[in-house]
N, C-alpha and C. Protein backbone atom coordinates (compact mmCIF):
# COMPACT_ATOMS: atom_id res chain seq x y z
N MET A 1 133.96 -69.09 26.63
CA MET A 1 133.32 -68.29 26.84
C MET A 1 132.42 -67.36 25.85
N LYS A 2 132.98 -66.78 24.86
CA LYS A 2 132.50 -66.05 24.00
C LYS A 2 131.62 -66.90 23.23
N THR A 3 131.78 -68.10 22.80
CA THR A 3 131.21 -68.97 22.29
C THR A 3 129.50 -69.33 22.70
N PHE A 4 129.81 -69.51 24.11
CA PHE A 4 128.82 -69.82 25.33
C PHE A 4 128.02 -68.43 24.87
N LEU A 5 128.28 -67.36 25.12
CA LEU A 5 127.64 -66.13 25.07
C LEU A 5 126.58 -65.92 23.92
N THR A 6 127.63 -66.29 22.88
CA THR A 6 126.76 -66.15 21.52
C THR A 6 125.70 -67.39 21.60
N GLY A 7 125.84 -68.49 21.83
CA GLY A 7 125.05 -69.44 21.64
C GLY A 7 123.63 -68.85 22.52
N LEU A 8 123.91 -68.59 23.63
CA LEU A 8 122.96 -68.16 24.74
C LEU A 8 121.97 -67.00 23.96
N THR A 9 122.82 -66.01 23.15
CA THR A 9 122.12 -65.09 22.65
C THR A 9 121.32 -65.39 21.49
N SER A 10 121.67 -66.12 21.00
CA SER A 10 121.04 -67.04 19.78
C SER A 10 120.02 -67.46 20.07
N CYS A 11 120.08 -68.31 21.25
CA CYS A 11 118.91 -69.13 21.68
C CYS A 11 117.51 -68.37 22.53
N LEU A 12 118.32 -67.28 23.32
CA LEU A 12 116.88 -66.44 23.63
C LEU A 12 116.14 -65.81 22.47
N PHE A 13 116.94 -64.97 21.23
CA PHE A 13 116.26 -64.85 20.28
C PHE A 13 115.27 -65.44 19.54
N MET A 14 115.92 -66.53 19.20
CA MET A 14 114.69 -67.90 18.68
C MET A 14 113.34 -67.67 19.84
N LEU A 15 113.56 -68.11 21.01
CA LEU A 15 112.81 -68.01 21.82
C LEU A 15 111.44 -66.86 21.77
N ALA A 16 112.23 -65.68 21.69
CA ALA A 16 111.35 -64.32 21.49
C ALA A 16 110.75 -64.59 20.18
N ALA A 17 111.53 -64.77 19.31
CA ALA A 17 110.72 -65.02 18.00
C ALA A 17 109.59 -65.63 17.58
N ASN A 18 109.74 -66.81 18.28
CA ASN A 18 108.49 -67.77 18.26
C ASN A 18 107.74 -68.06 19.35
N GLY A 19 107.70 -66.77 20.23
CA GLY A 19 106.65 -66.91 21.30
C GLY A 19 106.99 -67.88 22.27
N GLY A 20 107.82 -68.01 22.75
CA GLY A 20 108.37 -69.34 23.66
C GLY A 20 107.99 -69.29 25.04
N GLY A 21 107.37 -67.96 25.32
CA GLY A 21 106.76 -68.17 26.66
C GLY A 21 107.44 -67.28 27.34
N VAL A 22 108.72 -66.90 26.99
CA VAL A 22 109.80 -65.99 28.14
C VAL A 22 109.19 -64.45 28.23
N PHE A 23 108.91 -64.02 27.09
CA PHE A 23 108.67 -62.78 27.03
C PHE A 23 107.17 -62.64 26.64
N ALA A 24 106.57 -61.82 27.59
CA ALA A 24 104.96 -61.25 27.37
C ALA A 24 104.72 -60.66 26.04
N GLN A 25 103.81 -61.20 25.37
CA GLN A 25 103.32 -60.63 24.11
C GLN A 25 102.08 -59.96 24.41
N THR A 26 101.72 -58.89 23.79
CA THR A 26 100.66 -57.87 23.58
C THR A 26 99.64 -58.57 22.92
N PRO A 27 98.65 -58.68 23.71
CA PRO A 27 97.05 -59.41 23.33
C PRO A 27 96.75 -58.38 21.95
N GLN A 28 96.05 -59.22 21.16
CA GLN A 28 95.46 -58.59 19.94
C GLN A 28 94.00 -57.93 20.35
N PRO A 29 93.75 -57.08 19.77
CA PRO A 29 92.23 -56.54 20.10
C PRO A 29 91.30 -57.39 19.50
N ALA A 30 90.32 -57.79 20.16
CA ALA A 30 89.17 -58.35 19.38
C ALA A 30 87.91 -57.54 18.88
N LYS A 31 87.28 -57.51 18.31
CA LYS A 31 85.98 -56.65 18.24
C LYS A 31 84.90 -57.57 17.61
N PHE A 32 83.55 -57.26 18.10
CA PHE A 32 82.48 -58.16 17.60
C PHE A 32 81.58 -57.17 17.72
N ALA A 33 80.53 -57.31 16.63
CA ALA A 33 79.68 -56.37 16.50
C ALA A 33 78.26 -56.59 17.52
N ALA A 34 77.72 -55.53 17.93
CA ALA A 34 76.63 -55.93 18.35
C ALA A 34 75.38 -56.09 17.93
N GLN A 35 74.45 -57.41 18.53
CA GLN A 35 73.24 -57.86 17.76
C GLN A 35 72.31 -56.62 18.15
N ALA A 36 71.23 -56.83 17.17
CA ALA A 36 70.29 -55.76 17.02
C ALA A 36 69.51 -55.13 18.39
N ASN A 37 69.69 -56.16 19.42
CA ASN A 37 69.35 -55.91 20.81
C ASN A 37 70.25 -55.43 21.73
N GLY A 38 71.72 -55.01 21.39
CA GLY A 38 72.81 -54.32 21.90
C GLY A 38 73.55 -55.37 22.57
N GLN A 39 73.31 -56.61 22.51
CA GLN A 39 74.24 -57.90 23.14
C GLN A 39 75.03 -57.92 22.21
N ILE A 40 76.44 -58.37 22.87
CA ILE A 40 77.39 -58.90 22.22
C ILE A 40 78.01 -60.26 22.20
N VAL A 41 77.90 -61.23 21.66
CA VAL A 41 78.26 -62.83 21.80
C VAL A 41 79.21 -63.12 21.26
N PHE A 42 80.20 -63.93 21.96
CA PHE A 42 81.32 -64.53 21.27
C PHE A 42 81.65 -65.81 22.15
N VAL A 43 82.45 -66.47 21.42
CA VAL A 43 82.78 -67.96 21.91
C VAL A 43 84.24 -68.61 21.78
N MET A 44 84.62 -69.08 23.01
CA MET A 44 86.20 -69.43 22.65
C MET A 44 86.44 -70.67 21.39
N PRO A 45 87.65 -70.59 21.25
CA PRO A 45 87.81 -71.65 19.88
C PRO A 45 87.45 -72.87 20.11
N SER A 46 87.43 -73.26 21.27
CA SER A 46 86.82 -74.79 21.53
C SER A 46 85.46 -74.93 21.64
N LYS A 47 84.70 -73.96 21.57
CA LYS A 47 83.13 -73.82 21.39
C LYS A 47 82.65 -74.46 22.72
N THR A 48 83.22 -74.34 23.84
CA THR A 48 82.69 -74.86 24.97
C THR A 48 82.53 -74.00 26.14
N ILE A 49 83.15 -72.60 25.73
CA ILE A 49 82.83 -71.40 26.46
C ILE A 49 82.28 -70.32 25.75
N GLU A 50 81.20 -69.83 26.13
CA GLU A 50 80.36 -69.03 25.26
C GLU A 50 80.12 -67.74 26.28
N CYS A 51 80.09 -66.17 25.82
CA CYS A 51 79.91 -65.13 26.74
C CYS A 51 79.06 -64.08 25.83
N THR A 52 77.87 -63.69 26.88
CA THR A 52 77.49 -62.58 26.20
C THR A 52 77.09 -61.32 27.29
N TYR A 53 77.54 -60.18 26.32
CA TYR A 53 77.65 -58.75 27.15
C TYR A 53 76.48 -58.13 27.02
N THR A 54 75.72 -57.88 27.91
CA THR A 54 74.39 -57.27 27.86
C THR A 54 74.78 -55.82 28.60
N PRO A 55 74.38 -54.68 27.49
CA PRO A 55 74.45 -53.41 27.98
C PRO A 55 73.73 -52.95 29.38
N LYS A 56 74.21 -51.85 29.63
CA LYS A 56 73.16 -51.17 30.96
C LYS A 56 72.05 -50.87 30.46
N GLY A 57 70.88 -51.35 31.35
CA GLY A 57 69.41 -51.58 31.18
C GLY A 57 68.76 -52.37 30.44
N GLY A 58 70.02 -53.50 29.94
CA GLY A 58 69.46 -54.81 29.20
C GLY A 58 68.65 -54.60 27.77
N THR A 59 67.94 -55.32 27.45
CA THR A 59 67.25 -55.69 26.47
C THR A 59 65.92 -55.58 26.35
N PRO A 60 64.83 -55.38 25.29
CA PRO A 60 63.64 -55.55 25.46
C PRO A 60 63.18 -56.48 26.42
N VAL A 61 63.76 -57.74 26.26
CA VAL A 61 63.23 -59.32 26.84
C VAL A 61 64.16 -59.65 28.07
N TYR A 62 65.28 -58.83 28.53
CA TYR A 62 66.23 -59.66 29.32
C TYR A 62 66.51 -57.84 30.05
N THR A 63 66.74 -58.32 31.58
CA THR A 63 67.39 -57.06 32.31
C THR A 63 68.08 -57.62 33.44
N PRO A 64 69.52 -57.52 33.03
CA PRO A 64 70.45 -57.67 34.30
C PRO A 64 70.14 -57.69 35.85
N PHE A 65 70.39 -58.45 36.62
CA PHE A 65 69.72 -58.48 38.09
C PHE A 65 70.17 -57.32 38.86
N ASP A 66 71.38 -56.87 38.55
CA ASP A 66 71.63 -55.25 39.22
C ASP A 66 71.81 -54.05 38.15
N GLY A 67 70.95 -54.44 37.18
CA GLY A 67 70.68 -53.34 36.07
C GLY A 67 71.75 -52.98 34.82
N GLY A 68 72.72 -53.96 34.90
CA GLY A 68 73.87 -53.93 33.96
C GLY A 68 74.78 -53.04 33.89
N PRO A 69 75.87 -52.71 33.25
CA PRO A 69 75.97 -53.92 32.21
C PRO A 69 76.45 -55.00 32.76
N GLU A 70 76.16 -56.31 31.88
CA GLU A 70 76.63 -57.72 32.66
C GLU A 70 77.16 -58.58 31.72
N LEU A 71 78.24 -59.20 31.82
CA LEU A 71 78.75 -60.33 31.26
C LEU A 71 78.41 -61.70 31.71
N SER A 72 77.94 -62.57 31.10
CA SER A 72 77.58 -63.93 31.37
C SER A 72 78.28 -64.60 30.58
N CYS A 73 79.09 -65.74 31.01
CA CYS A 73 79.92 -66.48 30.38
C CYS A 73 79.55 -68.11 30.72
N ASP A 74 79.20 -68.66 30.02
CA ASP A 74 78.50 -70.16 30.10
C ASP A 74 79.45 -71.56 29.61
N ARG A 75 80.06 -72.33 30.43
CA ARG A 75 80.95 -73.30 30.02
C ARG A 75 80.24 -74.46 29.81
N SER A 76 80.18 -75.14 28.78
CA SER A 76 79.35 -76.27 28.66
C SER A 76 79.91 -77.81 29.14
N GLU A 77 81.14 -77.87 29.07
CA GLU A 77 82.03 -79.08 29.56
C GLU A 77 82.88 -78.65 30.35
N PRO A 78 83.13 -79.87 31.34
CA PRO A 78 82.79 -81.17 31.39
C PRO A 78 81.36 -81.20 32.35
N LYS A 79 81.14 -79.73 32.88
CA LYS A 79 80.01 -79.83 33.72
C LYS A 79 79.23 -78.39 33.18
N TYR A 80 78.19 -78.20 33.09
CA TYR A 80 77.56 -76.62 32.59
C TYR A 80 77.58 -75.85 33.95
N VAL A 81 78.40 -74.57 33.72
CA VAL A 81 78.26 -73.36 34.81
C VAL A 81 78.25 -72.61 34.08
N ARG A 82 77.66 -71.42 34.88
CA ARG A 82 77.75 -69.90 34.35
C ARG A 82 78.27 -69.05 35.36
N VAL A 83 79.19 -68.24 34.91
CA VAL A 83 79.38 -67.20 35.62
C VAL A 83 79.01 -65.62 35.41
N VAL A 84 78.53 -64.82 36.19
CA VAL A 84 78.09 -63.58 35.68
C VAL A 84 78.76 -62.48 36.62
N LEU A 85 79.53 -61.51 35.70
CA LEU A 85 80.03 -60.65 36.05
C LEU A 85 79.49 -59.10 35.95
N THR A 86 79.32 -58.40 36.92
CA THR A 86 78.44 -57.19 36.84
C THR A 86 79.22 -55.98 37.72
N PRO A 87 79.08 -54.66 37.30
CA PRO A 87 80.01 -53.89 37.99
C PRO A 87 80.10 -53.98 39.73
N LYS A 88 78.97 -54.86 40.20
CA LYS A 88 78.72 -54.64 41.47
C LYS A 88 79.24 -56.40 42.06
N ASN A 89 79.26 -57.42 41.20
CA ASN A 89 79.39 -58.98 41.65
C ASN A 89 79.93 -59.51 40.86
N VAL A 90 80.30 -60.84 41.12
CA VAL A 90 80.90 -61.89 40.37
C VAL A 90 80.13 -63.18 40.88
N ARG A 91 79.53 -63.43 40.42
CA ARG A 91 78.53 -64.92 40.70
C ARG A 91 78.90 -66.12 39.75
N ARG A 92 78.65 -67.32 40.52
CA ARG A 92 78.85 -68.79 39.98
C ARG A 92 77.41 -69.32 40.36
N PHE A 93 76.95 -69.56 39.08
CA PHE A 93 75.87 -70.65 38.82
C PHE A 93 76.05 -71.78 38.54
N ASN A 94 75.70 -73.03 39.03
CA ASN A 94 76.12 -74.52 38.95
C ASN A 94 74.79 -75.10 38.58
N ASN A 95 73.54 -74.58 38.54
CA ASN A 95 72.37 -75.20 38.33
C ASN A 95 71.44 -74.28 37.04
N VAL A 96 72.26 -74.39 35.99
CA VAL A 96 71.59 -73.32 34.87
C VAL A 96 70.56 -74.02 34.37
N GLY A 97 69.33 -73.44 34.48
CA GLY A 97 68.26 -73.81 33.78
C GLY A 97 68.13 -73.34 32.28
N ASP A 98 68.55 -72.41 31.77
CA ASP A 98 68.34 -72.11 30.37
C ASP A 98 69.67 -72.35 29.69
N GLN A 99 70.18 -73.44 29.60
CA GLN A 99 71.53 -73.82 29.01
C GLN A 99 71.58 -73.61 27.45
N SER A 100 72.69 -72.93 26.92
CA SER A 100 72.27 -72.39 25.38
C SER A 100 73.75 -72.06 24.97
N CYS A 101 74.56 -72.66 25.49
CA CYS A 101 76.17 -72.54 25.31
C CYS A 101 76.38 -73.28 24.00
N CYS A 102 76.82 -73.21 23.17
CA CYS A 102 78.07 -72.66 22.45
C CYS A 102 77.69 -72.72 20.83
N GLY A 103 77.03 -71.76 20.30
CA GLY A 103 76.75 -71.88 18.82
C GLY A 103 76.81 -70.81 18.15
N VAL A 104 77.53 -69.56 18.41
CA VAL A 104 77.88 -68.65 17.53
C VAL A 104 79.16 -68.60 16.81
N ASP A 105 79.22 -67.88 15.79
CA ASP A 105 80.33 -67.83 15.15
C ASP A 105 81.49 -66.79 15.43
N ASN A 106 81.23 -65.93 16.26
CA ASN A 106 81.95 -65.20 16.83
C ASN A 106 83.09 -65.47 17.56
N VAL A 107 84.21 -66.01 17.05
CA VAL A 107 85.39 -66.78 17.87
C VAL A 107 86.36 -65.64 18.32
N PHE A 108 86.77 -65.88 19.64
CA PHE A 108 87.48 -65.03 20.65
C PHE A 108 89.12 -65.93 20.55
N ALA A 109 89.70 -65.44 19.28
CA ALA A 109 91.19 -66.44 19.32
C ALA A 109 91.89 -66.19 20.31
N HIS A 110 92.56 -67.42 20.74
CA HIS A 110 93.68 -67.34 21.60
C HIS A 110 94.51 -65.97 21.55
N GLY A 111 94.91 -65.36 22.46
CA GLY A 111 95.92 -64.44 22.43
C GLY A 111 95.48 -63.11 22.26
N SER A 112 94.12 -62.99 22.37
CA SER A 112 93.31 -61.84 21.68
C SER A 112 92.80 -61.30 23.10
N ARG A 113 92.51 -59.78 23.06
CA ARG A 113 91.62 -59.31 24.31
C ARG A 113 90.38 -58.50 23.82
N TRP A 114 89.43 -58.55 24.42
CA TRP A 114 88.15 -58.30 24.24
C TRP A 114 87.81 -57.27 25.31
N SER A 115 87.43 -55.76 24.99
CA SER A 115 86.81 -54.75 26.28
C SER A 115 85.62 -54.37 25.81
N GLN A 116 84.63 -54.20 26.64
CA GLN A 116 83.37 -53.56 26.33
C GLN A 116 82.73 -52.85 27.91
N GLY A 117 82.70 -51.86 27.83
CA GLY A 117 82.07 -51.26 29.25
C GLY A 117 83.27 -51.20 30.36
N PRO A 118 82.78 -51.56 31.64
CA PRO A 118 83.89 -52.14 32.44
C PRO A 118 84.55 -53.20 32.52
N PHE A 119 84.41 -54.07 31.40
CA PHE A 119 84.69 -55.19 31.32
C PHE A 119 85.93 -55.67 30.26
N THR A 120 86.88 -56.52 30.83
CA THR A 120 88.05 -56.59 29.81
C THR A 120 88.45 -58.33 29.85
N CYS A 121 88.35 -58.96 28.78
CA CYS A 121 88.50 -60.66 28.45
C CYS A 121 90.21 -60.84 27.79
N ASP A 122 90.43 -61.78 28.03
CA ASP A 122 91.46 -62.43 27.64
C ASP A 122 91.36 -63.68 27.20
N SER A 123 91.65 -63.95 25.91
CA SER A 123 91.72 -65.42 25.48
C SER A 123 92.99 -66.15 25.75
N ALA A 124 93.02 -67.43 26.06
CA ALA A 124 94.44 -68.28 26.25
C ALA A 124 93.76 -69.76 25.82
N VAL A 125 94.96 -70.63 25.77
CA VAL A 125 94.71 -72.00 25.38
C VAL A 125 94.23 -72.39 26.56
N ALA A 126 94.79 -71.78 28.01
CA ALA A 126 94.28 -72.33 29.01
C ALA A 126 93.01 -72.21 29.45
N GLY A 127 92.26 -70.88 28.90
CA GLY A 127 91.06 -70.53 28.99
C GLY A 127 90.54 -68.97 29.03
N LEU A 128 89.38 -68.63 29.48
CA LEU A 128 89.20 -67.10 29.58
C LEU A 128 89.39 -66.64 30.76
N THR A 129 89.89 -65.34 31.04
CA THR A 129 89.86 -64.52 32.32
C THR A 129 89.39 -63.19 31.71
N CYS A 130 88.08 -62.97 32.37
CA CYS A 130 87.68 -61.62 32.13
C CYS A 130 87.46 -60.81 33.57
N LYS A 131 87.81 -59.45 33.74
CA LYS A 131 87.77 -58.75 34.82
C LYS A 131 87.26 -57.40 34.74
N ARG A 132 87.09 -56.75 35.77
CA ARG A 132 86.36 -55.43 35.62
C ARG A 132 87.88 -54.31 36.23
N ALA A 133 87.68 -53.05 35.78
CA ALA A 133 88.69 -52.23 36.25
C ALA A 133 89.49 -52.46 37.70
N ASP A 134 88.46 -52.80 38.46
CA ASP A 134 89.34 -53.07 39.98
C ASP A 134 89.84 -54.31 40.28
N GLY A 135 89.96 -55.41 39.20
CA GLY A 135 90.52 -56.53 39.18
C GLY A 135 89.93 -57.55 39.72
N LYS A 136 88.63 -57.45 39.87
CA LYS A 136 87.54 -58.57 40.33
C LYS A 136 87.16 -59.02 39.09
N GLY A 137 87.05 -60.34 39.13
CA GLY A 137 86.51 -61.03 37.70
C GLY A 137 86.63 -62.63 37.94
N PHE A 138 87.07 -63.42 36.89
CA PHE A 138 87.08 -64.69 36.94
C PHE A 138 87.98 -65.56 35.81
N PHE A 139 88.54 -66.68 36.20
CA PHE A 139 88.92 -67.36 35.19
C PHE A 139 88.13 -68.89 34.76
N MET A 140 87.92 -68.93 33.53
CA MET A 140 86.99 -70.00 33.18
C MET A 140 88.23 -70.94 32.42
N GLY A 141 88.03 -72.19 32.87
CA GLY A 141 88.88 -73.39 31.71
C GLY A 141 88.14 -74.47 31.72
N ARG A 142 88.75 -75.49 30.97
CA ARG A 142 88.00 -76.67 31.08
C ARG A 142 88.06 -77.44 32.38
N ALA A 143 89.68 -77.35 33.25
CA ALA A 143 89.58 -77.97 34.34
C ALA A 143 88.91 -77.15 35.88
N ASP A 144 89.02 -75.69 35.62
CA ASP A 144 88.33 -75.11 36.83
C ASP A 144 87.90 -73.93 36.30
N ILE A 145 87.12 -73.31 37.36
CA ILE A 145 86.64 -71.81 37.03
C ILE A 145 87.22 -71.26 38.51
N LYS A 146 87.57 -69.90 38.43
CA LYS A 146 88.19 -69.37 39.85
C LYS A 146 87.41 -68.00 39.65
N LEU A 147 86.90 -67.69 40.65
CA LEU A 147 86.21 -66.10 41.19
C LEU A 147 87.48 -65.30 41.78
N GLN A 148 87.48 -64.04 41.26
CA GLN A 148 88.61 -63.50 41.97
C GLN A 148 88.45 -62.40 42.28
């Protein structure tokens, strides 16, 4: 019995040390500099999902539909889709006319967390999860998109 417990303890220790998924890990904070117009743009490591944060009031050439702030995320594959998160709404757009995804250098590494204004996003191998403080938001991955 003692040998079994010692082996079990060693196994659990190794799983924890290697991030075996048994124990939750604290996301690493991600910071991206704002562009001159105040927007922040980042892309997932796959380069198929890109997000643009627009501050309240918008930019000189763009005003969010409900005044902002706004987080707009585009997925380029397998089908181009946009999800827009605002303090009041979560919307999905399947017919996007201004497709411009995924050419920035700000890579949002897996295991990282980004926060700005009322929004927080987590990057994982499975995809991107973004939410407001009230829990409303979305998950965007290659296989599916879920509004929450």
